[in-house]
PDB file of N, CA and C in Angstrom:
ATOM      1  N   MET A   1      24.862 -12.158  12.979  1.00  0.00           N
ATOM      2  CA  MET A   1      23.737 -11.251  12.888  1.00  0.00           C
ATOM      3  C   MET A   1      22.615 -11.783  13.771  1.00  0.00           C
ATOM      4  N   SER A   2      22.133 -10.931  14.652  1.00  0.00           N
ATOM      5  CA  SER A   2      21.039 -11.298  15.546  1.00  0.00           C
ATOM      6  C   SER A   2      19.795 -10.514  15.142  1.00  0.00           C
ATOM      7  N   VAL A   3      18.879 -11.202  14.488  1.00  0.00           N
ATOM      8  CA  VAL A   3      17.683 -10.558  13.951  1.00  0.00           C
ATOM      9  C   VAL A   3      16.462 -11.065  14.705  1.00  0.00           C
ATOM     10  N   THR A   4      15.542 -10.152  15.006  1.00  0.00           N
ATOM     11  CA  THR A   4      14.283 -10.484  15.674  1.00  0.00           C
ATOM     12  C   THR A   4      13.143  -9.968  14.820  1.00  0.00           C
ATOM     13  N   ILE A   5      12.080 -10.761  14.736  1.00  0.00           N
ATOM     14  CA  ILE A   5      10.871 -10.317  14.036  1.00  0.00           C
ATOM     15  C   ILE A   5       9.699 -10.356  15.013  1.00  0.00           C
ATOM     16  N   TYR A   6       9.000  -9.232  15.106  1.00  0.00           N
ATOM     17  CA  TYR A   6       7.743  -9.175  15.862  1.00  0.00           C
ATOM     18  C   TYR A   6       6.669  -9.613  14.879  1.00  0.00           C
ATOM     19  N   TYR A   7       6.027 -10.726  15.187  1.00  0.00           N
ATOM     20  CA  TYR A   7       5.346 -11.551  14.205  1.00  0.00           C
ATOM     21  C   TYR A   7       3.948 -11.932  14.660  1.00  0.00           C
ATOM     22  N   ASN A   8       3.025 -11.959  13.694  1.00  0.00           N
ATOM     23  CA  ASN A   8       1.674 -12.462  13.914  1.00  0.00           C
ATOM     24  C   ASN A   8       1.450 -13.527  12.842  1.00  0.00           C
ATOM     25  N   PRO A   9       1.340 -14.807  13.229  1.00  0.00           N
ATOM     26  CA  PRO A   9       1.245 -15.865  12.224  1.00  0.00           C
ATOM     27  C   PRO A   9       0.031 -15.764  11.308  1.00  0.00           C
ATOM     28  N   SER A  10      -1.006 -15.030  11.697  1.00  0.00           N
ATOM     29  CA  SER A  10      -2.180 -14.904  10.829  1.00  0.00           C
ATOM     30  C   SER A  10      -2.056 -13.746   9.835  1.00  0.00           C
ATOM     31  N   CYS A  11      -0.958 -13.017   9.892  1.00  0.00           N
ATOM     32  CA  CYS A  11      -0.739 -11.854   9.025  1.00  0.00           C
ATOM     33  C   CYS A  11       0.077 -12.261   7.801  1.00  0.00           C
ATOM     34  N   SER A  12      -0.462 -11.998   6.617  1.00  0.00           N
ATOM     35  CA  SER A  12       0.239 -12.394   5.385  1.00  0.00           C
ATOM     36  C   SER A  12       1.561 -11.640   5.220  1.00  0.00           C
ATOM     37  N   LYS A  13       1.612 -10.358   5.582  1.00  0.00           N
ATOM     38  CA  LYS A  13       2.864  -9.596   5.463  1.00  0.00           C
ATOM     39  C   LYS A  13       3.921 -10.153   6.412  1.00  0.00           C
ATOM     40  N   CYS A  14       3.505 -10.610   7.591  1.00  0.00           N
ATOM     41  CA  CYS A  14       4.448 -11.234   8.527  1.00  0.00           C
ATOM     42  C   CYS A  14       5.014 -12.513   7.922  1.00  0.00           C
ATOM     43  N   ARG A  15       4.138 -13.335   7.379  1.00  0.00           N
ATOM     44  CA  ARG A  15       4.589 -14.598   6.772  1.00  0.00           C
ATOM     45  C   ARG A  15       5.501 -14.334   5.582  1.00  0.00           C
ATOM     46  N   GLN A  16       5.165 -13.349   4.763  1.00  0.00           N
ATOM     47  CA  GLN A  16       5.996 -13.006   3.607  1.00  0.00           C
ATOM     48  C   GLN A  16       7.359 -12.479   4.042  1.00  0.00           C
ATOM     49  N   THR A  17       7.374 -11.654   5.083  1.00  0.00           N
ATOM     50  CA  THR A  17       8.628 -11.090   5.571  1.00  0.00           C
ATOM     51  C   THR A  17       9.511 -12.182   6.159  1.00  0.00           C
ATOM     52  N   LEU A  18       8.920 -13.085   6.940  1.00  0.00           N
ATOM     53  CA  LEU A  18       9.687 -14.196   7.498  1.00  0.00           C
ATOM     54  C   LEU A  18      10.260 -15.063   6.382  1.00  0.00           C
ATOM     55  N   ALA A  19       9.466 -15.350   5.367  1.00  0.00           N
ATOM     56  CA  ALA A  19       9.949 -16.152   4.240  1.00  0.00           C
ATOM     57  C   ALA A  19      11.099 -15.443   3.524  1.00  0.00           C
ATOM     58  N   LEU A  20      10.988 -14.139   3.351  1.00  0.00           N
ATOM     59  CA  LEU A  20      12.033 -13.358   2.704  1.00  0.00           C
ATOM     60  C   LEU A  20      13.332 -13.424   3.505  1.00  0.00           C
ATOM     61  N   LEU A  21      13.229 -13.280   4.826  1.00  0.00           N
ATOM     62  CA  LEU A  21      14.419 -13.377   5.671  1.00  0.00           C
ATOM     63  C   LEU A  21      15.069 -14.743   5.522  1.00  0.00           C
ATOM     64  N   ARG A  22      14.257 -15.782   5.579  1.00  0.00           N
ATOM     65  CA  ARG A  22      14.784 -17.139   5.470  1.00  0.00           C
ATOM     66  C   ARG A  22      15.408 -17.388   4.099  1.00  0.00           C
ATOM     67  N   GLU A  23      14.826 -16.830   3.053  1.00  0.00           N
ATOM     68  CA  GLU A  23      15.410 -16.949   1.703  1.00  0.00           C
ATOM     69  C   GLU A  23      16.801 -16.327   1.648  1.00  0.00           C
ATOM     70  N   ARG A  24      17.026 -15.326   2.482  1.00  0.00           N
ATOM     71  CA  ARG A  24      18.323 -14.642   2.544  1.00  0.00           C
ATOM     72  C   ARG A  24      19.263 -15.305   3.552  1.00  0.00           C
ATOM     73  N   GLY A  25      18.856 -16.461   4.105  1.00  0.00           N
ATOM     74  CA  GLY A  25      19.701 -17.187   5.042  1.00  0.00           C
ATOM     75  C   GLY A  25      19.652 -16.659   6.463  1.00  0.00           C
ATOM     76  N   VAL A  26      18.650 -15.848   6.771  1.00  0.00           N
ATOM     77  CA  VAL A  26      18.499 -15.281   8.116  1.00  0.00           C
ATOM     78  C   VAL A  26      17.401 -16.039   8.844  1.00  0.00           C
ATOM     79  N   GLU A  27      17.749 -16.613   9.991  1.00  0.00           N
ATOM     80  CA  GLU A  27      16.752 -17.288  10.830  1.00  0.00           C
ATOM     81  C   GLU A  27      16.547 -16.409  12.066  1.00  0.00           C
ATOM     82  N   PRO A  28      15.518 -15.586  12.040  1.00  0.00           N
ATOM     83  CA  PRO A  28      15.332 -14.627  13.133  1.00  0.00           C
ATOM     84  C   PRO A  28      14.728 -15.273  14.377  1.00  0.00           C
ATOM     85  N   ALA A  29      14.938 -14.605  15.502  1.00  0.00           N
ATOM     86  CA  ALA A  29      14.175 -14.928  16.706  1.00  0.00           C
ATOM     87  C   ALA A  29      12.768 -14.415  16.441  1.00  0.00           C
ATOM     88  N   ILE A  30      11.772 -15.243  16.707  1.00  0.00           N
ATOM     89  CA  ILE A  30      10.386 -14.874  16.414  1.00  0.00           C
ATOM     90  C   ILE A  30       9.672 -14.538  17.720  1.00  0.00           C
ATOM     91  N   VAL A  31       9.140 -13.333  17.786  1.00  0.00           N
ATOM     92  CA  VAL A  31       8.356 -12.897  18.939  1.00  0.00           C
ATOM     93  C   VAL A  31       6.916 -12.757  18.475  1.00  0.00           C
ATOM     94  N   GLU A  32       6.056 -13.650  18.946  1.00  0.00           N
ATOM     95  CA  GLU A  32       4.630 -13.515  18.648  1.00  0.00           C
ATOM     96  C   GLU A  32       4.076 -12.471  19.613  1.00  0.00           C
ATOM     97  N   TYR A  33       4.092 -11.233  19.151  1.00  0.00           N
ATOM     98  CA  TYR A  33       3.817 -10.103  20.034  1.00  0.00           C
ATOM     99  C   TYR A  33       2.382 -10.056  20.556  1.00  0.00           C
ATOM    100  N   LEU A  34       1.466 -10.793  19.940  1.00  0.00           N
ATOM    101  CA  LEU A  34       0.109 -10.851  20.497  1.00  0.00           C
ATOM    102  C   LEU A  34       0.098 -11.689  21.769  1.00  0.00           C
ATOM    103  N   LYS A  35       0.972 -12.690  21.838  1.00  0.00           N
ATOM    104  CA  LYS A  35       1.096 -13.527  23.038  1.00  0.00           C
ATOM    105  C   LYS A  35       2.064 -12.918  24.036  1.00  0.00           C
ATOM    106  N   THR A  36       3.118 -12.280  23.531  1.00  0.00           N
ATOM    107  CA  THR A  36       4.161 -11.701  24.379  1.00  0.00           C
ATOM    108  C   THR A  36       4.435 -10.279  23.912  1.00  0.00           C
ATOM    109  N   PRO A  37       3.597  -9.318  24.313  1.00  0.00           N
ATOM    110  CA  PRO A  37       3.819  -7.933  23.877  1.00  0.00           C
ATOM    111  C   PRO A  37       5.130  -7.390  24.456  1.00  0.00           C
ATOM    112  N   PRO A  38       5.748  -6.462  23.760  1.00  0.00           N
ATOM    113  CA  PRO A  38       6.964  -5.852  24.300  1.00  0.00           C
ATOM    114  C   PRO A  38       6.627  -5.031  25.546  1.00  0.00           C
ATOM    115  N   SER A  39       7.603  -4.891  26.418  1.00  0.00           N
ATOM    116  CA  SER A  39       7.442  -4.012  27.573  1.00  0.00           C
ATOM    117  C   SER A  39       7.519  -2.563  27.090  1.00  0.00           C
ATOM    118  N   ALA A  40       7.230  -1.634  27.976  1.00  0.00           N
ATOM    119  CA  ALA A  40       7.325  -0.219  27.608  1.00  0.00           C
ATOM    120  C   ALA A  40       8.756   0.120  27.189  1.00  0.00           C
ATOM    121  N   ALA A  41       9.732  -0.387  27.931  1.00  0.00           N
ATOM    122  CA  ALA A  41      11.135  -0.113  27.602  1.00  0.00           C
ATOM    123  C   ALA A  41      11.506  -0.719  26.250  1.00  0.00           C
ATOM    124  N   GLU A  42      11.036  -1.932  25.991  1.00  0.00           N
ATOM    125  CA  GLU A  42      11.323  -2.575  24.695  1.00  0.00           C
ATOM    126  C   GLU A  42      10.672  -1.804  23.552  1.00  0.00           C
ATOM    127  N   LEU A  43       9.429  -1.372  23.756  1.00  0.00           N
ATOM    128  CA  LEU A  43       8.737  -0.640  22.698  1.00  0.00           C
ATOM    129  C   LEU A  43       9.403   0.711  22.445  1.00  0.00           C
ATOM    130  N   LYS A  44       9.852   1.380  23.496  1.00  0.00           N
ATOM    131  CA  LYS A  44      10.580   2.647  23.316  1.00  0.00           C
ATOM    132  C   LYS A  44      11.863   2.409  22.527  1.00  0.00           C
ATOM    133  N   ASP A  45      12.550   1.304  22.822  1.00  0.00           N
ATOM    134  CA  ASP A  45      13.777   0.962  22.109  1.00  0.00           C
ATOM    135  C   ASP A  45      13.482   0.682  20.632  1.00  0.00           C
ATOM    136  N   ILE A  46      12.414  -0.052  20.374  1.00  0.00           N
ATOM    137  CA  ILE A  46      12.012  -0.339  18.993  1.00  0.00           C
ATOM    138  C   ILE A  46      11.703   0.961  18.251  1.00  0.00           C
ATOM    139  N   LEU A  47      10.958   1.849  18.888  1.00  0.00           N
ATOM    140  CA  LEU A  47      10.615   3.129  18.262  1.00  0.00           C
ATOM    141  C   LEU A  47      11.866   3.942  17.940  1.00  0.00           C
ATOM    142  N   GLN A  48      12.827   3.933  18.858  1.00  0.00           N
ATOM    143  CA  GLN A  48      14.072   4.666  18.619  1.00  0.00           C
ATOM    144  C   GLN A  48      14.815   4.076  17.421  1.00  0.00           C
ATOM    145  N   LYS A  49      14.856   2.744  17.335  1.00  0.00           N
ATOM    146  CA  LYS A  49      15.533   2.084  16.218  1.00  0.00           C
ATOM    147  C   LYS A  49      14.807   2.337  14.900  1.00  0.00           C
ATOM    148  N   LEU A  50      13.484   2.436  14.952  1.00  0.00           N
ATOM    149  CA  LEU A  50      12.701   2.746  13.758  1.00  0.00           C
ATOM    150  C   LEU A  50      12.801   4.218  13.373  1.00  0.00           C
ATOM    151  N   GLY A  51      13.144   5.070  14.362  1.00  0.00           N
ATOM    152  CA  GLY A  51      13.137   6.513  14.129  1.00  0.00           C
ATOM    153  C   GLY A  51      11.725   7.051  14.009  1.00  0.00           C
ATOM    154  N   LYS A  52      10.813   6.446  14.790  1.00  0.00           N
ATOM    155  CA  LYS A  52       9.398   6.816  14.715  1.00  0.00           C
ATOM    156  C   LYS A  52       8.847   7.109  16.104  1.00  0.00           C
ATOM    157  N   ASP A  53       7.701   7.785  16.120  1.00  0.00           N
ATOM    158  CA  ASP A  53       6.947   8.010  17.346  1.00  0.00           C
ATOM    159  C   ASP A  53       5.909   6.907  17.482  1.00  0.00           C
ATOM    160  N   ALA A  54       5.362   6.757  18.676  1.00  0.00           N
ATOM    161  CA  ALA A  54       4.352   5.721  18.920  1.00  0.00           C
ATOM    162  C   ALA A  54       3.172   5.856  17.963  1.00  0.00           C
ATOM    163  N   ALA A  55       2.764   7.087  17.667  1.00  0.00           N
ATOM    164  CA  ALA A  55       1.626   7.305  16.766  1.00  0.00           C
ATOM    165  C   ALA A  55       1.895   6.772  15.359  1.00  0.00           C
ATOM    166  N   ASP A  56       3.171   6.664  14.983  1.00  0.00           N
ATOM    167  CA  ASP A  56       3.533   6.197  13.648  1.00  0.00           C
ATOM    168  C   ASP A  56       3.367   4.687  13.465  1.00  0.00           C
ATOM    169  N   ILE A  57       3.223   3.950  14.562  1.00  0.00           N
ATOM    170  CA  ILE A  57       3.127   2.489  14.444  1.00  0.00           C
ATOM    171  C   ILE A  57       1.757   1.966  14.867  1.00  0.00           C
ATOM    172  N   VAL A  58       0.775   2.830  14.824  1.00  0.00           N
ATOM    173  CA  VAL A  58      -0.592   2.448  15.202  1.00  0.00           C
ATOM    174  C   VAL A  58      -1.372   2.027  13.967  1.00  0.00           C
ATOM    175  N   ARG A  59      -2.037   0.888  14.067  1.00  0.00           N
ATOM    176  CA  ARG A  59      -2.990   0.449  13.045  1.00  0.00           C
ATOM    177  C   ARG A  59      -4.318   1.108  13.401  1.00  0.00           C
ATOM    178  N   THR A  60      -4.740   2.055  12.613  1.00  0.00           N
ATOM    179  CA  THR A  60      -5.881   2.912  12.931  1.00  0.00           C
ATOM    180  C   THR A  60      -7.163   2.128  13.202  1.00  0.00           C
ATOM    181  N   LYS A  61      -7.500   1.208  12.321  1.00  0.00           N
ATOM    182  CA  LYS A  61      -8.754   0.461  12.473  1.00  0.00           C
ATOM    183  C   LYS A  61      -8.769  -0.322  13.785  1.00  0.00           C
ATOM    184  N   GLU A  62      -7.686  -1.046  14.064  1.00  0.00           N
ATOM    185  CA  GLU A  62      -7.625  -1.846  15.284  1.00  0.00           C
ATOM    186  C   GLU A  62      -7.626  -0.961  16.524  1.00  0.00           C
ATOM    187  N   ALA A  63      -6.946   0.180  16.445  1.00  0.00           N
ATOM    188  CA  ALA A  63      -6.931   1.112  17.583  1.00  0.00           C
ATOM    189  C   ALA A  63      -8.342   1.606  17.873  1.00  0.00           C
ATOM    190  N   GLN A  64      -9.072   1.971  16.837  1.00  0.00           N
ATOM    191  CA  GLN A  64     -10.445   2.432  17.033  1.00  0.00           C
ATOM    192  C   GLN A  64     -11.307   1.325  17.628  1.00  0.00           C
ATOM    193  N   GLU A  65     -11.157   0.101  17.100  1.00  0.00           N
ATOM    194  CA  GLU A  65     -11.937  -1.026  17.617  1.00  0.00           C
ATOM    195  C   GLU A  65     -11.621  -1.309  19.086  1.00  0.00           C
ATOM    196  N   ASP A  66     -10.374  -1.052  19.484  1.00  0.00           N
ATOM    197  CA  ASP A  66      -9.962  -1.297  20.867  1.00  0.00           C
ATOM    198  C   ASP A  66     -10.166  -0.076  21.763  1.00  0.00           C
ATOM    199  N   GLY A  67     -10.774   0.984  21.230  1.00  0.00           N
ATOM    200  CA  GLY A  67     -11.079   2.164  22.027  1.00  0.00           C
ATOM    201  C   GLY A  67      -9.886   3.052  22.320  1.00  0.00           C
ATOM    202  N   ILE A  68      -8.855   2.969  21.491  1.00  0.00           N
ATOM    203  CA  ILE A  68      -7.669   3.807  21.677  1.00  0.00           C
ATOM    204  C   ILE A  68      -7.860   5.097  20.887  1.00  0.00           C
ATOM    205  N   ASP A  69      -7.915   6.213  21.602  1.00  0.00           N
ATOM    206  CA  ASP A  69      -8.059   7.522  20.971  1.00  0.00           C
ATOM    207  C   ASP A  69      -6.664   8.112  20.798  1.00  0.00           C
ATOM    208  N   THR A  70      -6.054   7.833  19.656  1.00  0.00           N
ATOM    209  CA  THR A  70      -4.657   8.230  19.448  1.00  0.00           C
ATOM    210  C   THR A  70      -4.461   9.738  19.552  1.00  0.00           C
ATOM    211  N   ALA A  71      -5.443  10.513  19.137  1.00  0.00           N
ATOM    212  CA  ALA A  71      -5.321  11.968  19.181  1.00  0.00           C
ATOM    213  C   ALA A  71      -5.308  12.501  20.605  1.00  0.00           C
ATOM    214  N   ALA A  72      -5.912  11.755  21.523  1.00  0.00           N
ATOM    215  CA  ALA A  72      -6.027  12.236  22.901  1.00  0.00           C
ATOM    216  C   ALA A  72      -4.867  11.775  23.797  1.00  0.00           C
ATOM    217  N   LEU A  73      -4.001  10.918  23.272  1.00  0.00           N
ATOM    218  CA  LEU A  73      -2.953  10.335  24.108  1.00  0.00           C
ATOM    219  C   LEU A  73      -1.580  10.890  23.743  1.00  0.00           C
ATOM    220  N   ASP A  74      -0.768  11.150  24.791  1.00  0.00           N
ATOM    221  CA  ASP A  74       0.621  11.510  24.525  1.00  0.00           C
ATOM    222  C   ASP A  74       1.397  10.222  24.237  1.00  0.00           C
ATOM    223  N   SER A  75       2.655  10.349  23.907  1.00  0.00           N
ATOM    224  CA  SER A  75       3.453   9.201  23.491  1.00  0.00           C
ATOM    225  C   SER A  75       3.519   8.115  24.562  1.00  0.00           C
ATOM    226  N   ALA A  76       3.736   8.498  25.807  1.00  0.00           N
ATOM    227  CA  ALA A  76       3.838   7.512  26.900  1.00  0.00           C
ATOM    228  C   ALA A  76       2.526   6.751  27.075  1.00  0.00           C
ATOM    229  N   ALA A  77       1.402   7.468  27.026  1.00  0.00           N
ATOM    230  CA  ALA A  77       0.098   6.818  27.171  1.00  0.00           C
ATOM    231  C   ALA A  77      -0.205   5.931  25.965  1.00  0.00           C
ATOM    232  N   LEU A  78       0.226   6.345  24.795  1.00  0.00           N
ATOM    233  CA  LEU A  78       0.005   5.545  23.597  1.00  0.00           C
ATOM    234  C   LEU A  78       0.835   4.261  23.638  1.00  0.00           C
ATOM    235  N   ILE A  79       2.044   4.355  24.142  1.00  0.00           N
ATOM    236  CA  ILE A  79       2.877   3.155  24.319  1.00  0.00           C
ATOM    237  C   ILE A  79       2.172   2.174  25.253  1.00  0.00           C
ATOM    238  N   GLU A  80       1.644   2.661  26.349  1.00  0.00           N
ATOM    239  CA  GLU A  80       0.920   1.790  27.291  1.00  0.00           C
ATOM    240  C   GLU A  80      -0.314   1.177  26.622  1.00  0.00           C
ATOM    241  N   ALA A  81      -1.009   1.960  25.804  1.00  0.00           N
ATOM    242  CA  ALA A  81      -2.192   1.440  25.105  1.00  0.00           C
ATOM    243  C   ALA A  81      -1.802   0.347  24.112  1.00  0.00           C
ATOM    244  N   LEU A  82      -0.675   0.519  23.432  1.00  0.00           N
ATOM    245  CA  LEU A  82      -0.226  -0.490  22.471  1.00  0.00           C
ATOM    246  C   LEU A  82       0.211  -1.773  23.176  1.00  0.00           C
ATOM    247  N   ILE A  83       0.763  -1.642  24.353  1.00  0.00           N
ATOM    248  CA  ILE A  83       1.146  -2.829  25.127  1.00  0.00           C
ATOM    249  C   ILE A  83      -0.107  -3.577  25.581  1.00  0.00           C
ATOM    250  N   ALA A  84      -1.115  -2.822  25.994  1.00  0.00           N
ATOM    251  CA  ALA A  84      -2.372  -3.434  26.445  1.00  0.00           C
ATOM    252  C   ALA A  84      -3.176  -4.013  25.273  1.00  0.00           C
ATOM    253  N   HIS A  85      -3.005  -3.433  24.084  1.00  0.00           N
ATOM    254  CA  HIS A  85      -3.744  -3.857  22.893  1.00  0.00           C
ATOM    255  C   HIS A  85      -2.746  -4.033  21.737  1.00  0.00           C
ATOM    256  N   PRO A  86      -1.910  -5.061  21.782  1.00  0.00           N
ATOM    257  CA  PRO A  86      -0.832  -5.179  20.801  1.00  0.00           C
ATOM    258  C   PRO A  86      -1.302  -5.364  19.361  1.00  0.00           C
ATOM    259  N   ARG A  87      -2.538  -5.800  19.155  1.00  0.00           N
ATOM    260  CA  ARG A  87      -3.004  -5.957  17.768  1.00  0.00           C
ATOM    261  C   ARG A  87      -3.108  -4.608  17.063  1.00  0.00           C
ATOM    262  N   ALA A  88      -3.085  -3.508  17.814  1.00  0.00           N
ATOM    263  CA  ALA A  88      -3.148  -2.173  17.240  1.00  0.00           C
ATOM    264  C   ALA A  88      -1.780  -1.668  16.779  1.00  0.00           C
ATOM    265  N   MET A  89      -0.753  -2.503  16.935  1.00  0.00           N
ATOM    266  CA  MET A  89       0.598  -2.135  16.528  1.00  0.00           C
ATOM    267  C   MET A  89       0.872  -2.656  15.109  1.00  0.00           C
ATOM    268  N   VAL A  90       1.584  -1.859  14.301  1.00  0.00           N
ATOM    269  CA  VAL A  90       1.924  -2.314  12.955  1.00  0.00           C
ATOM    270  C   VAL A  90       2.751  -3.587  13.025  1.00  0.00           C
ATOM    271  N   ARG A  91       2.712  -4.321  11.929  1.00  0.00           N
ATOM    272  CA  ARG A  91       3.453  -5.572  11.871  1.00  0.00           C
ATOM    273  C   ARG A  91       3.826  -5.861  10.430  1.00  0.00           C
ATOM    274  N   PRO A  92       4.841  -6.635  10.241  1.00  0.00           N
ATOM    275  CA  PRO A  92       5.852  -7.077  11.195  1.00  0.00           C
ATOM    276  C   PRO A  92       6.900  -5.985  11.406  1.00  0.00           C
ATOM    277  N   ILE A  93       7.580  -6.080  12.524  1.00  0.00           N
ATOM    278  CA  ILE A  93       8.724  -5.214  12.787  1.00  0.00           C
ATOM    279  C   ILE A  93       9.931  -6.129  12.902  1.00  0.00           C
ATOM    280  N   VAL A  94      10.982  -5.788  12.171  1.00  0.00           N
ATOM    281  CA  VAL A  94      12.211  -6.570  12.193  1.00  0.00           C
ATOM    282  C   VAL A  94      13.312  -5.707  12.802  1.00  0.00           C
ATOM    283  N   ILE A  95      14.045  -6.304  13.745  1.00  0.00           N
ATOM    284  CA  ILE A  95      15.141  -5.628  14.434  1.00  0.00           C
ATOM    285  C   ILE A  95      16.440  -6.334  14.064  1.00  0.00           C
ATOM    286  N   ASN A  96      17.455  -5.556  13.740  1.00  0.00           N
ATOM    287  CA  ASN A  96      18.795  -6.088  13.511  1.00  0.00           C
ATOM    288  C   ASN A  96      19.776  -5.137  14.177  1.00  0.00           C
ATOM    289  N   GLY A  97      20.262  -5.521  15.353  1.00  0.00           N
ATOM    290  CA  GLY A  97      21.192  -4.662  16.090  1.00  0.00           C
ATOM    291  C   GLY A  97      20.525  -3.359  16.477  1.00  0.00           C
ATOM    292  N   ASP A  98      21.100  -2.249  16.010  1.00  0.00           N
ATOM    293  CA  ASP A  98      20.554  -0.938  16.361  1.00  0.00           C
ATOM    294  C   ASP A  98      19.653  -0.375  15.265  1.00  0.00           C
ATOM    295  N   LYS A  99      19.224  -1.253  14.344  1.00  0.00           N
ATOM    296  CA  LYS A  99      18.346  -0.824  13.253  1.00  0.00           C
ATOM    297  C   LYS A  99      17.049  -1.618  13.295  1.00  0.00           C
ATOM    298  N   ALA A 100      16.002  -1.026  12.775  1.00  0.00           N
ATOM    299  CA  ALA A 100      14.705  -1.702  12.701  1.00  0.00           C
ATOM    300  C   ALA A 100      13.971  -1.227  11.452  1.00  0.00           C
ATOM    301  N   ALA A 101      13.048  -2.071  10.981  1.00  0.00           N
ATOM    302  CA  ALA A 101      12.231  -1.719   9.822  1.00  0.00           C
ATOM    303  C   ALA A 101      10.879  -2.398   9.950  1.00  0.00           C
ATOM    304  N   ILE A 102       9.889  -1.764   9.372  1.00  0.00           N
ATOM    305  CA  ILE A 102       8.547  -2.334   9.298  1.00  0.00           C
ATOM    306  C   ILE A 102       8.439  -3.051   7.958  1.00  0.00           C
ATOM    307  N   GLY A 103       7.975  -4.281   7.983  1.00  0.00           N
ATOM    308  CA  GLY A 103       7.903  -5.104   6.781  1.00  0.00           C
ATOM    309  C   GLY A 103       6.687  -4.855   5.923  1.00  0.00           C
ATOM    310  N   ARG A 104       6.441  -3.621   5.591  1.00  0.00           N
ATOM    311  CA  ARG A 104       5.356  -3.235   4.685  1.00  0.00           C
ATOM    312  C   ARG A 104       5.927  -2.274   3.661  1.00  0.00           C
ATOM    313  N   PRO A 105       6.320  -2.729   2.519  1.00  0.00           N
ATOM    314  CA  PRO A 105       6.300  -4.096   2.013  1.00  0.00           C
ATOM    315  C   PRO A 105       7.426  -4.924   2.635  1.00  0.00           C
ATOM    316  N   PRO A 106       7.338  -6.234   2.530  1.00  0.00           N
ATOM    317  CA  PRO A 106       8.349  -7.097   3.148  1.00  0.00           C
ATOM    318  C   PRO A 106       9.785  -6.736   2.750  1.00  0.00           C
ATOM    319  N   GLU A 107       9.995  -6.304   1.518  1.00  0.00           N
ATOM    320  CA  GLU A 107      11.343  -5.982   1.028  1.00  0.00           C
ATOM    321  C   GLU A 107      11.993  -4.824   1.773  1.00  0.00           C
ATOM    322  N   SER A 108      11.200  -4.024   2.466  1.00  0.00           N
ATOM    323  CA  SER A 108      11.770  -2.877   3.191  1.00  0.00           C
ATOM    324  C   SER A 108      12.709  -3.308   4.305  1.00  0.00           C
ATOM    325  N   VAL A 109      12.597  -4.545   4.770  1.00  0.00           N
ATOM    326  CA  VAL A 109      13.491  -5.013   5.846  1.00  0.00           C
ATOM    327  C   VAL A 109      14.887  -5.334   5.321  1.00  0.00           C
ATOM    328  N   LEU A 110      15.029  -5.497   4.024  1.00  0.00           N
ATOM    329  CA  LEU A 110      16.345  -5.827   3.453  1.00  0.00           C
ATOM    330  C   LEU A 110      17.364  -4.724   3.704  1.00  0.00           C
ATOM    331  N   ASP A 111      16.910  -3.491   3.853  1.00  0.00           N
ATOM    332  CA  ASP A 111      17.815  -2.354   4.081  1.00  0.00           C
ATOM    333  C   ASP A 111      18.558  -2.451   5.392  1.00  0.00           C
ATOM    334  N   ILE A 112      18.046  -3.226   6.357  1.00  0.00           N
ATOM    335  CA  ILE A 112      18.702  -3.282   7.667  1.00  0.00           C
ATOM    336  C   ILE A 112      19.517  -4.567   7.860  1.00  0.00           C
ATOM    337  N   LEU A 113      19.564  -5.407   6.854  1.00  0.00           N
ATOM    338  CA  LEU A 113      20.327  -6.669   6.979  1.00  0.00           C
ATOM    339  C   LEU A 113      21.785  -6.451   6.631  1.00  0.00           C
TER     340      LEU A 113
END
């Protein structure tokens, strides 16, 4: 099993989700997405695996603080905005093969293991 977690070490849900994975014997590849944001192609792939649109993974408060007007942007422009301002992206996101889940609550990632 090849599992990846898009992770922010200062986020309690990220830490809880990582701990949950490790409790289940899963040692994921950790991507600190604030330091290494996904490319547009990677983010599109993540969205497809989540079954969501770019607007579905936006943290509203952070987007507003970063000047991202989600209502005014189409999906492609929103993806570019999230790459430029990765803190506006929901977290954590866990990928396992062709499946993905958002770790809010952390237990929601268990469905894809």
